[in-house]
């Protein structure tokens, strides 16, 4: 299942893909380079990214939904930190028969990490929603990314659609060959256990069929003249206006970092 791109004649869609790649990397570097508690910089970066989303006519609800879906696994990883790390200024929370120690410094640090990751994810979401997938990946070859790495990423992306179709067909076949569980709780529990076991066998079968399918695709590519090189349409050099855009992005990021350290210090 491919990610839906929302492209058109809006602001971000008209920007060259290579310039957007630079913008993504510079945004990530700036977000990670500023001091931990540079709240003004975080607000400025979020305001710029959200303004770009509005200027590109992107639905904010869809943008925020995608960012929070990607952010959720990181949140689950970071939640235990305030309860595991020890801190002299920790707060003890008595809950019935146990007492939970909450580290305020680690809680603040977790909040900062969440903000930083959310800003980087928001930038990537805007990039993926305004750039066609093939253009996004093939533009890497014009940025001197090793051809082997570009080929691996591009093939993985294209095979995902084939694997998703294979999963859907296997799920449909299982549904057509299965009997829906009755209302009896014992039979419903037995049916649930059977579904878990059957899903495990389906997963193993999926790996085998996916491997065989990829081998057939590779053989078909060789018969059609594939020599291991991905042909890219990005042969043009960056124009003067695109170079100015990159220089502007770098200068703004430099000003953000210098201003953050001058205001907030180390």
Protein backbone atom coordinates (compact mmCIF):
# COMPACT_ATOMS: atom_id res chain seq x y z
CA UNK A 1 0.00 0.00 0.00
CA UNK A 2 1.65 3.19 -1.17
CA UNK A 3 1.66 6.48 0.67
CA UNK A 4 -0.69 8.93 -0.90
CA UNK A 5 1.03 12.01 -2.26
CA UNK A 6 -0.79 15.30 -2.55
CA UNK A 7 0.98 17.10 -5.37
CA UNK A 8 -0.06 19.93 -7.57
CA UNK A 9 0.79 23.54 -8.37
CA UNK A 10 1.20 24.54 -4.73
CA UNK A 11 4.29 25.99 -3.07
CA UNK A 12 6.16 22.87 -1.95
CA UNK A 13 5.28 20.85 -5.06
CA UNK A 14 6.93 23.48 -7.26
CA UNK A 15 10.23 23.32 -5.34
CA UNK A 16 12.94 21.08 -6.79
CA UNK A 17 13.23 17.73 -5.01
CA UNK A 18 16.95 18.20 -4.36
CA UNK A 19 16.26 21.52 -2.64
CA UNK A 20 13.64 19.81 -0.48
CA UNK A 21 16.11 17.08 0.47
CA UNK A 22 18.55 19.75 1.61
CA UNK A 23 15.75 21.46 3.53
CA UNK A 24 14.87 18.23 5.34
CA UNK A 25 18.48 17.55 6.36
CA UNK A 26 19.10 21.14 7.42
CA UNK A 27 15.89 21.17 9.48
CA UNK A 28 16.90 17.95 11.23
CA UNK A 29 20.42 19.24 11.93
CA UNK A 30 19.11 22.58 13.23
CA UNK A 31 16.54 20.91 15.48
CA UNK A 32 19.18 18.63 17.01
CA UNK A 33 21.95 21.24 17.20
CA UNK A 34 20.18 23.92 19.23
CA UNK A 35 20.24 23.76 23.07
CA UNK A 36 17.73 21.48 24.73
CA UNK A 37 15.45 24.19 26.05
CA UNK A 38 15.48 26.58 23.09
CA UNK A 39 11.70 26.85 23.09
CA UNK A 40 11.63 29.93 20.84
CA UNK A 41 13.53 28.06 18.10
CA UNK A 42 11.17 25.10 18.33
CA UNK A 43 8.17 27.43 18.00
CA UNK A 44 9.75 29.21 15.01
CA UNK A 45 10.52 25.94 13.21
CA UNK A 46 7.01 24.60 13.88
CA UNK A 47 5.48 27.87 12.66
CA UNK A 48 7.52 27.78 9.44
CA UNK A 49 6.62 24.15 8.72
CA UNK A 50 2.92 24.65 9.45
CA UNK A 51 2.91 27.80 7.30
CA UNK A 52 4.39 25.78 4.44
CA UNK A 53 1.68 23.16 4.90
CA UNK A 54 -1.03 25.83 4.77
CA UNK A 55 0.63 27.54 1.78
CA UNK A 56 0.75 24.20 -0.03
CA UNK A 57 -2.98 23.64 0.54
CA UNK A 58 -2.34 20.48 2.57
CA UNK A 59 -5.07 19.30 4.97
CA UNK A 60 -3.68 20.00 8.43
CA UNK A 61 -5.73 17.19 9.95
CA UNK A 62 -4.07 14.67 7.63
CA UNK A 63 -0.62 16.15 8.25
CA UNK A 64 -1.00 16.02 12.04
CA UNK A 65 -2.48 12.53 11.93
CA UNK A 66 0.51 11.20 10.01
CA UNK A 67 3.01 12.89 12.30
CA UNK A 68 1.37 11.54 15.47
CA UNK A 69 1.11 8.03 14.02
CA UNK A 70 4.87 8.02 13.42
CA UNK A 71 5.52 9.69 16.78
CA UNK A 72 3.53 7.14 18.80
CA UNK A 73 6.16 4.33 18.82
CA UNK A 74 8.82 6.79 20.01
CA UNK A 75 6.49 7.97 22.77
CA UNK A 76 6.03 4.38 23.97
CA UNK A 77 9.82 3.98 24.12
CA UNK A 78 10.42 7.23 26.02
CA UNK A 79 7.60 6.94 28.59
CA UNK A 80 9.57 4.68 31.04
CA UNK A 81 12.58 7.06 31.21
CA UNK A 82 11.24 9.37 34.00
CA UNK A 83 10.45 6.32 36.14
CA UNK A 84 13.73 4.45 35.57
CA UNK A 85 16.36 7.17 35.91
CA UNK A 86 17.25 8.31 39.42
CA UNK A 87 17.34 12.02 40.23
CA UNK A 88 17.98 13.86 43.52
CA UNK A 89 15.06 16.17 42.71
CA UNK A 90 12.70 13.27 41.99
CA UNK A 91 9.08 13.32 43.10
CA UNK A 92 7.57 10.32 44.85
CA UNK A 93 4.03 9.41 43.90
CA UNK A 94 2.36 7.00 46.34
CA UNK A 95 -0.13 4.79 44.53
CA UNK A 96 -1.90 2.37 46.90
CA UNK A 97 0.75 -0.06 48.14
CA UNK A 98 3.62 1.09 45.93
CA UNK A 99 5.51 4.35 45.52
CA UNK A 100 6.57 5.51 42.07
CA UNK A 101 9.58 7.82 41.76
CA UNK A 102 9.25 10.39 38.98
CA UNK A 103 12.38 12.20 37.77
CA UNK A 104 11.49 15.78 36.83
CA UNK A 105 14.68 16.34 34.81
CA UNK A 106 14.13 13.16 32.79
CA UNK A 107 10.48 14.10 32.27
CA UNK A 108 11.57 17.48 30.86
CA UNK A 109 14.22 15.79 28.73
CA UNK A 110 11.63 13.35 27.39
CA UNK A 111 9.38 16.29 26.49
CA UNK A 112 12.25 17.97 24.61
CA UNK A 113 13.03 14.76 22.72
CA UNK A 114 9.38 14.43 21.74
CA UNK A 115 9.29 18.01 20.41
CA UNK A 116 12.49 17.53 18.42
CA UNK A 117 11.37 14.24 16.90
CA UNK A 118 7.93 15.69 16.11
CA UNK A 119 9.48 18.62 14.22
CA UNK A 120 11.70 16.29 12.15
CA UNK A 121 8.78 13.95 11.45
CA UNK A 122 6.59 16.92 10.46
CA UNK A 123 9.24 18.05 7.97
CA UNK A 124 9.46 14.55 6.48
CA UNK A 125 5.66 14.28 6.26
CA UNK A 126 5.47 17.56 4.33
CA UNK A 127 8.20 16.28 2.03
CA UNK A 128 6.53 12.96 1.31
CA UNK A 129 3.07 14.50 0.83
CA UNK A 130 4.29 17.00 -1.78
CA UNK A 131 6.80 14.85 -3.68
CA UNK A 132 6.07 11.84 -5.91
CA UNK A 133 7.74 8.73 -4.54
CA UNK A 134 9.71 7.86 -7.68
CA UNK A 135 10.97 11.44 -7.95
CA UNK A 136 11.91 11.43 -4.28
CA UNK A 137 14.00 8.27 -4.61
CA UNK A 138 15.56 8.77 -8.04
CA UNK A 139 16.66 12.29 -7.11
CA UNK A 140 19.08 10.69 -4.64
CA UNK A 141 21.27 9.55 -7.55
CA UNK A 142 21.65 13.19 -8.63
CA UNK A 143 22.87 13.97 -5.09
CA UNK A 144 25.75 11.47 -5.43
CA UNK A 145 24.15 8.85 -3.20
CA UNK A 146 25.69 5.42 -4.02
CA UNK A 147 23.79 3.70 -6.82
CA UNK A 148 23.54 0.42 -4.87
CA UNK A 149 21.82 2.15 -1.95
CA UNK A 150 19.41 3.98 -4.28
CA UNK A 151 18.55 0.70 -6.05
CA UNK A 152 17.88 -1.09 -2.76
CA UNK A 153 15.58 1.67 -1.49
CA UNK A 154 13.73 1.97 -4.82
CA UNK A 155 13.17 -1.77 -5.16
CA UNK A 156 12.03 -2.08 -1.55
CA UNK A 157 9.47 0.67 -2.14
CA UNK A 158 8.17 -0.86 -5.37
CA UNK A 159 8.01 -4.37 -3.90
CA UNK A 160 5.92 -3.14 -0.97
CA UNK A 161 2.92 -2.69 -3.28
CA UNK A 162 3.34 -6.25 -4.59
CA UNK A 163 3.66 -7.68 -1.08
CA UNK A 164 0.62 -5.73 0.11
CA UNK A 165 -1.39 -7.16 -2.78
CA UNK A 166 -0.16 -10.64 -1.88
CA UNK A 167 -1.20 -10.14 1.76
CA UNK A 168 -4.65 -8.95 0.72
CA UNK A 169 -5.18 -11.96 -1.54
CA UNK A 170 -4.09 -14.40 1.19
CA UNK A 171 -6.35 -12.68 3.75
CA UNK A 172 -9.29 -12.83 1.36
CA UNK A 173 -8.64 -16.51 0.70
CA UNK A 174 -8.56 -17.25 4.45
CA UNK A 175 -11.79 -15.31 5.02
CA UNK A 176 -13.59 -17.21 2.26
CA UNK A 177 -12.43 -20.55 3.67
CA UNK A 178 -13.20 -19.77 7.32
CA UNK A 179 -16.37 -20.17 9.32
CA UNK A 180 -17.30 -17.15 11.46
CA UNK A 181 -17.23 -17.95 15.23
CA UNK A 182 -20.49 -18.46 17.06
CA UNK A 183 -21.68 -16.38 20.00
CA UNK A 184 -20.60 -19.04 22.47
CA UNK A 185 -17.67 -17.63 24.48
CA UNK A 186 -15.80 -20.95 24.52
CA UNK A 187 -16.06 -21.30 20.75
CA UNK A 188 -15.09 -17.68 20.24
CA UNK A 189 -11.94 -18.25 22.32
CA UNK A 190 -11.13 -21.41 20.34
CA UNK A 191 -11.70 -19.51 17.10
CA UNK A 192 -9.37 -16.72 18.23
CA UNK A 193 -6.61 -19.23 19.07
CA UNK A 194 -7.10 -20.86 15.69
CA UNK A 195 -6.79 -17.47 13.96
CA UNK A 196 -3.52 -16.77 15.78
CA UNK A 197 -2.04 -20.12 14.76
CA UNK A 198 -3.29 -19.70 11.21
CA UNK A 199 -1.82 -16.18 11.00
CA UNK A 200 1.58 -17.56 11.98
CA UNK A 201 1.51 -20.15 9.21
CA UNK A 202 0.30 -17.49 6.78
CA UNK A 203 3.24 -15.28 7.73
CA UNK A 204 5.71 -18.06 6.97
CA UNK A 205 4.00 -18.78 3.68
CA UNK A 206 4.07 -15.08 2.86
CA UNK A 207 7.86 -14.92 3.27
CA UNK A 208 8.34 -17.93 0.98
CA UNK A 209 5.96 -16.62 -1.68
CA UNK A 210 7.46 -13.13 -1.47
CA UNK A 211 10.95 -14.54 -2.02
CA UNK A 212 9.79 -16.58 -5.01
CA UNK A 213 7.91 -13.58 -6.40
CA UNK A 214 10.97 -11.33 -6.10
CA UNK A 215 13.11 -13.93 -7.89
CA UNK A 216 10.63 -14.06 -10.79
CA UNK A 217 10.57 -10.26 -10.99
CA UNK A 218 14.37 -10.09 -11.02
CA UNK A 219 14.60 -12.69 -13.78
CA UNK A 220 12.03 -10.74 -15.81
CA UNK A 221 14.08 -7.56 -15.32
CA UNK A 222 17.25 -9.31 -16.53
CA UNK A 223 15.44 -10.56 -19.64
CA UNK A 224 14.40 -6.97 -20.38
CA UNK A 225 17.94 -5.65 -20.24
CA UNK A 226 18.37 -4.55 -16.63
CA UNK A 227 22.11 -4.03 -15.94
CA UNK A 228 21.94 -3.01 -12.29
CA UNK A 229 21.78 0.75 -12.91
CA UNK A 230 18.72 2.86 -12.19
CA UNK A 231 18.15 5.45 -14.88
CA UNK A 232 17.33 8.86 -13.46
CA UNK A 233 15.67 11.86 -15.10
CA UNK A 234 17.68 14.26 -12.92
CA UNK A 235 20.48 15.17 -15.30
CA UNK A 236 20.09 18.94 -15.07
CA UNK A 237 22.26 20.98 -12.79
CA UNK A 238 20.71 23.15 -10.14
CA UNK A 239 19.73 26.54 -11.49
CA UNK A 240 20.88 29.80 -9.91
CA UNK A 241 17.50 30.29 -8.22
CA UNK A 242 17.64 26.80 -6.73
CA UNK A 243 21.15 27.42 -5.47
CA UNK A 244 19.91 30.64 -3.86
CA UNK A 245 17.14 28.67 -2.17
CA UNK A 246 19.68 26.25 -0.70
CA UNK A 247 21.94 29.10 0.46
CA UNK A 248 18.94 30.83 2.06
CA UNK A 249 17.96 27.66 3.94
CA UNK A 250 21.52 27.20 5.22
CA UNK A 251 21.78 30.86 6.31
CA UNK A 252 18.46 30.75 8.17
CA UNK A 253 19.49 27.54 9.94
CA UNK A 254 22.85 29.10 10.86
CA UNK A 255 21.09 32.16 12.28
CA UNK A 256 18.75 29.92 14.30
CA UNK A 257 21.67 27.98 15.83
CA UNK A 258 23.75 31.09 16.60
CA UNK A 259 20.72 32.91 18.04
CA UNK A 260 19.73 29.92 20.17
CA UNK A 261 23.20 29.61 21.72
CA UNK A 262 23.45 33.36 22.28
CA UNK A 263 20.12 33.40 24.12
CA UNK A 264 20.00 30.03 25.88
CA UNK A 265 23.72 29.23 26.12
CA UNK A 266 24.97 25.67 26.45
